[in-house]
């Protein structure tokens, strides 16, 4: 097997970086059905208790957070323009926002 094949065989998805001491607190809201279809463009690895998804719907974008413990709790960031949501997504991945 090639080196690339070995890497892709064990790769799940992106892991979120550890939370930085100076981080933005995201105002998470309870999930609400605002659109008929939501497209998940990116997601973090499901091996963690908390996962994140970068979502697009109705011309807007948002980040969905799913917490799995004694059940499942799903929350969303505010819906915003795609460029703003991409910036939030990156800050979450880098541990600069939660």
Protein backbone atom coordinates (compact mmCIF):
# COMPACT_ATOMS: atom_id res chain seq x y z
CA UNK A 1 0.00 0.00 0.00
CA UNK A 2 1.31 3.47 -0.81
CA UNK A 3 2.04 6.04 1.88
CA UNK A 4 -1.00 8.03 0.73
CA UNK A 5 -3.20 4.94 1.04
CA UNK A 6 -2.00 4.39 4.60
CA UNK A 7 -2.82 7.97 5.53
CA UNK A 8 -6.29 8.01 4.00
CA UNK A 9 -7.15 4.63 5.50
CA UNK A 10 -6.82 5.98 9.04
CA UNK A 11 -8.11 9.52 8.47
CA UNK A 12 -11.57 10.21 9.92
CA UNK A 13 -12.02 13.97 9.64
CA UNK A 14 -10.82 17.21 11.16
CA UNK A 15 -10.30 17.38 14.93
CA UNK A 16 -10.94 20.67 16.70
CA UNK A 17 -7.87 22.28 18.29
CA UNK A 18 -7.77 22.66 22.08
CA UNK A 19 -9.62 25.69 23.39
CA UNK A 20 -7.40 28.75 23.75
CA UNK A 21 -7.48 30.74 26.98
CA UNK A 22 -8.61 33.90 25.15
CA UNK A 23 -11.54 32.63 23.09
CA UNK A 24 -14.82 33.96 21.75
CA UNK A 25 -17.98 32.56 23.29
CA UNK A 26 -20.46 31.62 20.58
CA UNK A 27 -24.14 32.28 21.29
CA UNK A 28 -25.49 28.79 20.61
CA UNK A 29 -29.23 28.48 19.99
CA UNK A 30 -31.54 25.50 20.03
CA UNK A 31 -31.85 23.98 16.57
CA UNK A 32 -34.87 25.31 14.67
CA UNK A 33 -36.22 24.10 11.30
CA UNK A 34 -35.65 27.23 9.20
CA UNK A 35 -35.08 25.58 5.80
CA UNK A 36 -36.35 22.52 3.93
CA UNK A 37 -32.83 21.35 3.13
CA UNK A 38 -29.53 21.88 4.89
CA UNK A 39 -26.27 20.99 3.18
CA UNK A 40 -23.35 20.03 5.42
CA UNK A 41 -20.23 21.29 3.65
CA UNK A 42 -17.66 20.30 6.30
CA UNK A 43 -17.70 18.46 9.61
CA UNK A 44 -15.40 17.49 12.42
CA UNK A 45 -14.53 13.93 13.37
CA UNK A 46 -17.43 12.00 14.97
CA UNK A 47 -15.03 10.23 17.36
CA UNK A 48 -15.37 13.17 19.77
CA UNK A 49 -18.25 13.83 22.15
CA UNK A 50 -18.87 17.27 20.61
CA UNK A 51 -18.93 17.56 16.84
CA UNK A 52 -19.35 20.57 14.59
CA UNK A 53 -20.78 20.95 11.08
CA UNK A 54 -20.46 23.86 8.67
CA UNK A 55 -23.93 24.11 7.10
CA UNK A 56 -25.52 25.99 4.19
CA UNK A 57 -29.25 26.61 3.76
CA UNK A 58 -31.47 29.23 2.20
CA UNK A 59 -28.55 31.35 0.97
CA UNK A 60 -27.07 31.59 4.48
CA UNK A 61 -24.58 29.57 6.50
CA UNK A 62 -24.23 28.52 10.14
CA UNK A 63 -22.34 26.13 12.38
CA UNK A 64 -24.19 23.26 14.01
CA UNK A 65 -22.87 21.78 17.27
CA UNK A 66 -23.92 18.31 18.38
CA UNK A 67 -23.21 17.14 21.93
CA UNK A 68 -23.51 13.41 22.63
CA UNK A 69 -23.54 12.32 26.26
CA UNK A 70 -26.71 10.97 27.90
CA UNK A 71 -28.62 11.71 24.71
CA UNK A 72 -28.09 14.21 21.94
CA UNK A 73 -28.29 18.00 22.12
CA UNK A 74 -28.08 19.99 18.87
CA UNK A 75 -27.44 23.73 18.76
CA UNK A 76 -26.76 26.24 15.98
CA UNK A 77 -24.86 29.46 15.69
CA UNK A 78 -26.64 32.48 14.26
CA UNK A 79 -27.39 32.18 10.54
CA UNK A 80 -25.17 34.60 8.63
CA UNK A 81 -23.56 35.35 5.31
CA UNK A 82 -21.31 32.54 4.13
CA UNK A 83 -18.08 34.54 4.47
CA UNK A 84 -18.88 35.38 8.12
CA UNK A 85 -19.78 31.75 8.87
CA UNK A 86 -16.54 30.54 7.25
CA UNK A 87 -14.63 32.87 9.58
CA UNK A 88 -16.53 31.46 12.61
CA UNK A 89 -15.89 27.90 11.39
CA UNK A 90 -12.15 28.56 11.18
CA UNK A 91 -12.08 30.13 14.67
CA UNK A 92 -13.87 27.06 16.08
CA UNK A 93 -11.40 24.70 14.38
CA UNK A 94 -8.45 26.70 15.73
CA UNK A 95 -9.82 26.76 19.29
CA UNK A 96 -10.44 30.51 19.14
CA UNK A 97 -14.24 30.21 19.56
CA UNK A 98 -16.68 27.82 21.25
